[in-house]
């Protein structure tokens, strides 16, 4: 992190990292199983992977604009860890 951070900034960054790691740890098995299954098409698996990658990089969940509208997709996409 570097020595230039104040103790408060360091605590904040560590807190954010721990929360992200916790959420990722809870959701990874679900994501992995979903991508290994036959529930999604290959194109949807690629799209879902891009959405997950974007979420991890930006810290916010992208809008679900161009997702194929099949049954269950909204519940798959909207799964959120506590």
N, C-alpha and C. Protein backbone atom coordinates (compact mmCIF):
# COMPACT_ATOMS: atom_id res chain seq x y z
N UNK A 1 0.82 -1.20 0.00
CA UNK A 1 0.00 0.00 0.00
C UNK A 1 0.86 1.25 0.00
N UNK A 2 1.97 1.19 0.61
CA UNK A 2 2.84 2.36 0.64
C UNK A 2 2.79 3.07 1.98
N UNK A 3 3.83 3.81 2.25
CA UNK A 3 3.95 4.52 3.52
C UNK A 3 3.25 5.87 3.50
N UNK A 4 2.77 6.30 2.35
CA UNK A 4 2.17 7.62 2.24
C UNK A 4 0.71 7.69 2.69
N UNK A 5 0.12 6.56 3.03
CA UNK A 5 -1.28 6.55 3.45
C UNK A 5 -1.40 6.83 4.95
N UNK A 6 -2.42 7.58 5.28
CA UNK A 6 -2.71 7.80 6.70
C UNK A 6 -3.27 6.51 7.28
N UNK A 7 -3.23 6.36 8.61
CA UNK A 7 -3.81 5.15 9.21
C UNK A 7 -5.28 4.96 8.83
N UNK A 8 -6.04 6.04 8.73
CA UNK A 8 -7.46 5.94 8.37
C UNK A 8 -7.63 5.46 6.93
N UNK A 9 -6.78 5.98 6.03
CA UNK A 9 -6.86 5.55 4.63
C UNK A 9 -6.47 4.08 4.50
N UNK A 10 -5.46 3.68 5.25
CA UNK A 10 -5.01 2.28 5.22
C UNK A 10 -6.12 1.35 5.70
N UNK A 11 -6.78 1.72 6.81
CA UNK A 11 -7.88 0.91 7.34
C UNK A 11 -9.00 0.82 6.31
N UNK A 12 -9.32 1.94 5.67
CA UNK A 12 -10.38 1.96 4.67
C UNK A 12 -10.07 1.05 3.49
N UNK A 13 -8.83 1.10 2.99
CA UNK A 13 -8.44 0.26 1.86
C UNK A 13 -8.42 -1.21 2.24
N UNK A 14 -7.94 -1.52 3.43
CA UNK A 14 -7.94 -2.91 3.89
C UNK A 14 -9.37 -3.42 4.06
N UNK A 15 -10.24 -2.59 4.61
CA UNK A 15 -11.64 -2.97 4.78
C UNK A 15 -12.29 -3.28 3.43
N UNK A 16 -12.04 -2.42 2.46
CA UNK A 16 -12.61 -2.62 1.13
C UNK A 16 -12.07 -3.91 0.49
N UNK A 17 -10.77 -4.16 0.63
CA UNK A 17 -10.17 -5.36 0.06
C UNK A 17 -10.72 -6.62 0.72
N UNK A 18 -10.89 -6.58 2.03
CA UNK A 18 -11.42 -7.75 2.74
C UNK A 18 -12.86 -8.02 2.33
N UNK A 19 -13.66 -6.96 2.22
CA UNK A 19 -15.05 -7.13 1.80
C UNK A 19 -15.16 -7.69 0.39
N UNK A 20 -14.32 -7.19 -0.51
CA UNK A 20 -14.33 -7.69 -1.89
C UNK A 20 -13.92 -9.15 -1.91
N UNK A 21 -12.88 -9.49 -1.17
CA UNK A 21 -12.42 -10.88 -1.12
C UNK A 21 -13.47 -11.80 -0.55
N UNK A 22 -14.15 -11.35 0.49
CA UNK A 22 -15.22 -12.14 1.12
C UNK A 22 -16.35 -12.38 0.13
N UNK A 23 -16.79 -11.31 -0.53
CA UNK A 23 -17.88 -11.45 -1.50
C UNK A 23 -17.47 -12.35 -2.66
N UNK A 24 -16.28 -12.18 -3.14
CA UNK A 24 -15.80 -13.01 -4.24
C UNK A 24 -15.71 -14.47 -3.80
N UNK A 25 -15.23 -14.71 -2.59
CA UNK A 25 -15.13 -16.07 -2.07
C UNK A 25 -16.48 -16.75 -1.95
N UNK A 26 -17.50 -15.98 -1.59
CA UNK A 26 -18.85 -16.55 -1.48
C UNK A 26 -19.46 -16.84 -2.84
N UNK A 27 -19.19 -16.00 -3.81
CA UNK A 27 -19.84 -16.13 -5.11
C UNK A 27 -19.05 -16.96 -6.11
N UNK A 28 -17.75 -17.14 -5.90
CA UNK A 28 -16.94 -17.85 -6.88
C UNK A 28 -17.46 -19.26 -7.20
N UNK A 29 -17.79 -20.08 -6.18
CA UNK A 29 -18.30 -21.43 -6.50
C UNK A 29 -19.55 -21.37 -7.38
N UNK A 30 -20.44 -20.43 -7.10
CA UNK A 30 -21.66 -20.27 -7.90
C UNK A 30 -21.30 -19.90 -9.35
N UNK A 31 -20.42 -18.92 -9.49
CA UNK A 31 -20.01 -18.47 -10.83
C UNK A 31 -19.35 -19.61 -11.59
N UNK A 32 -18.44 -20.33 -10.92
CA UNK A 32 -17.73 -21.43 -11.56
C UNK A 32 -18.68 -22.53 -12.00
N UNK A 33 -19.60 -22.91 -11.13
CA UNK A 33 -20.58 -23.95 -11.48
C UNK A 33 -21.47 -23.51 -12.64
N UNK A 34 -21.88 -22.25 -12.62
CA UNK A 34 -22.73 -21.74 -13.68
C UNK A 34 -22.00 -21.77 -15.02
N UNK A 35 -20.74 -21.36 -15.03
CA UNK A 35 -19.98 -21.35 -16.28
C UNK A 35 -19.64 -22.76 -16.75
N UNK A 36 -19.56 -23.72 -15.84
CA UNK A 36 -19.29 -25.10 -16.22
C UNK A 36 -20.55 -25.85 -16.67
N UNK A 37 -21.71 -25.30 -16.37
CA UNK A 37 -22.97 -25.98 -16.67
C UNK A 37 -23.39 -25.72 -18.11
N UNK A 38 -24.49 -26.33 -18.47
CA UNK A 38 -25.08 -26.13 -19.80
C UNK A 38 -26.27 -25.17 -19.75
N UNK A 39 -26.40 -24.43 -18.65
CA UNK A 39 -27.52 -23.51 -18.48
C UNK A 39 -27.40 -22.34 -19.46
N UNK A 40 -26.18 -21.85 -19.65
CA UNK A 40 -25.94 -20.71 -20.54
C UNK A 40 -25.32 -21.18 -21.84
N UNK A 41 -25.59 -20.45 -22.91
CA UNK A 41 -24.93 -20.72 -24.19
C UNK A 41 -23.48 -20.24 -24.08
N UNK A 42 -22.66 -20.62 -25.05
CA UNK A 42 -21.27 -20.17 -25.04
C UNK A 42 -21.18 -18.64 -25.09
N UNK A 43 -22.03 -18.03 -25.90
CA UNK A 43 -22.03 -16.56 -26.01
C UNK A 43 -22.44 -15.93 -24.67
N UNK A 44 -23.43 -16.53 -23.99
CA UNK A 44 -23.87 -16.00 -22.70
C UNK A 44 -22.79 -16.19 -21.64
N UNK A 45 -22.06 -17.30 -21.70
CA UNK A 45 -20.96 -17.52 -20.76
C UNK A 45 -19.89 -16.45 -20.92
N UNK A 46 -19.57 -16.11 -22.16
CA UNK A 46 -18.59 -15.05 -22.42
C UNK A 46 -19.11 -13.71 -21.91
N UNK A 47 -20.36 -13.43 -22.17
CA UNK A 47 -20.96 -12.17 -21.72
C UNK A 47 -20.98 -12.11 -20.19
N UNK A 48 -21.37 -13.19 -19.55
CA UNK A 48 -21.41 -13.24 -18.09
C UNK A 48 -20.01 -13.04 -17.51
N UNK A 49 -19.02 -13.66 -18.12
CA UNK A 49 -17.64 -13.49 -17.67
C UNK A 49 -17.19 -12.04 -17.79
N UNK A 50 -17.58 -11.38 -18.88
CA UNK A 50 -17.24 -9.95 -19.05
C UNK A 50 -17.92 -9.11 -17.98
N UNK A 51 -19.18 -9.43 -17.66
CA UNK A 51 -19.90 -8.69 -16.63
C UNK A 51 -19.24 -8.87 -15.26
N UNK A 52 -18.83 -10.08 -14.93
CA UNK A 52 -18.15 -10.34 -13.66
C UNK A 52 -16.83 -9.60 -13.62
N UNK A 53 -16.05 -9.67 -14.69
CA UNK A 53 -14.76 -8.98 -14.76
C UNK A 53 -14.95 -7.48 -14.58
N UNK A 54 -15.92 -6.91 -15.25
CA UNK A 54 -16.19 -5.48 -15.13
C UNK A 54 -16.57 -5.11 -13.70
N UNK A 55 -17.37 -5.95 -13.06
CA UNK A 55 -17.79 -5.69 -11.68
C UNK A 55 -16.59 -5.70 -10.74
N UNK A 56 -15.70 -6.68 -10.92
CA UNK A 56 -14.53 -6.76 -10.06
C UNK A 56 -13.57 -5.59 -10.27
N UNK A 57 -13.44 -5.13 -11.51
CA UNK A 57 -12.53 -4.03 -11.81
C UNK A 57 -13.09 -2.69 -11.36
N UNK A 58 -14.38 -2.46 -11.61
CA UNK A 58 -14.97 -1.15 -11.33
C UNK A 58 -15.59 -1.04 -9.95
N UNK A 59 -15.97 -2.17 -9.37
CA UNK A 59 -16.63 -2.15 -8.07
C UNK A 59 -18.12 -1.89 -8.16
N UNK A 60 -18.66 -1.82 -9.37
CA UNK A 60 -20.11 -1.64 -9.52
C UNK A 60 -20.64 -2.62 -10.56
N UNK A 61 -21.88 -3.03 -10.38
CA UNK A 61 -22.50 -4.01 -11.27
C UNK A 61 -23.04 -3.29 -12.50
N UNK A 62 -22.62 -3.69 -13.70
CA UNK A 62 -23.12 -3.06 -14.93
C UNK A 62 -24.61 -3.33 -15.13
N UNK A 63 -25.26 -2.44 -15.87
CA UNK A 63 -26.67 -2.65 -16.21
C UNK A 63 -26.83 -3.89 -17.08
N UNK A 64 -27.95 -4.52 -16.93
CA UNK A 64 -28.27 -5.71 -17.71
C UNK A 64 -29.07 -5.27 -18.93
N UNK A 65 -28.37 -4.75 -19.95
CA UNK A 65 -29.06 -4.17 -21.11
C UNK A 65 -29.20 -5.17 -22.25
N UNK A 66 -28.13 -5.86 -22.59
CA UNK A 66 -28.16 -6.67 -23.80
C UNK A 66 -28.18 -8.17 -23.51
N UNK A 67 -28.50 -8.55 -22.29
CA UNK A 67 -28.52 -9.96 -21.92
C UNK A 67 -29.70 -10.66 -22.59
N UNK A 68 -29.47 -11.87 -23.06
CA UNK A 68 -30.54 -12.66 -23.64
C UNK A 68 -31.63 -12.86 -22.60
N UNK A 69 -32.85 -12.63 -22.95
CA UNK A 69 -33.94 -12.66 -21.97
C UNK A 69 -34.56 -14.05 -21.88
N UNK A 70 -33.82 -14.97 -21.27
CA UNK A 70 -34.35 -16.32 -21.10
C UNK A 70 -34.80 -16.50 -19.66
N UNK A 71 -35.65 -17.48 -19.40
CA UNK A 71 -36.12 -17.70 -18.03
C UNK A 71 -34.95 -17.94 -17.08
N UNK A 72 -35.00 -17.29 -15.93
CA UNK A 72 -33.97 -17.48 -14.92
C UNK A 72 -32.78 -16.56 -15.04
N UNK A 73 -32.60 -15.88 -16.16
CA UNK A 73 -31.42 -15.03 -16.35
C UNK A 73 -31.38 -13.91 -15.32
N UNK A 74 -32.50 -13.27 -15.05
CA UNK A 74 -32.48 -12.18 -14.09
C UNK A 74 -32.08 -12.66 -12.69
N UNK A 75 -32.53 -13.83 -12.29
CA UNK A 75 -32.15 -14.32 -10.96
C UNK A 75 -30.68 -14.73 -10.94
N UNK A 76 -30.16 -15.24 -12.04
CA UNK A 76 -28.74 -15.58 -12.11
C UNK A 76 -27.90 -14.31 -12.02
N UNK A 77 -28.26 -13.32 -12.79
CA UNK A 77 -27.48 -12.10 -12.85
C UNK A 77 -27.57 -11.29 -11.57
N UNK A 78 -28.72 -11.30 -10.92
CA UNK A 78 -28.91 -10.42 -9.78
C UNK A 78 -28.47 -11.05 -8.46
N UNK A 79 -27.89 -12.25 -8.50
CA UNK A 79 -27.39 -12.88 -7.28
C UNK A 79 -26.35 -11.96 -6.65
N UNK A 80 -26.53 -11.66 -5.38
CA UNK A 80 -25.61 -10.76 -4.66
C UNK A 80 -25.19 -11.41 -3.35
N UNK A 81 -23.91 -11.31 -3.06
CA UNK A 81 -23.42 -11.78 -1.76
C UNK A 81 -23.77 -10.76 -0.71
N UNK A 82 -23.89 -11.19 0.55
CA UNK A 82 -24.24 -10.25 1.64
C UNK A 82 -23.16 -9.21 1.85
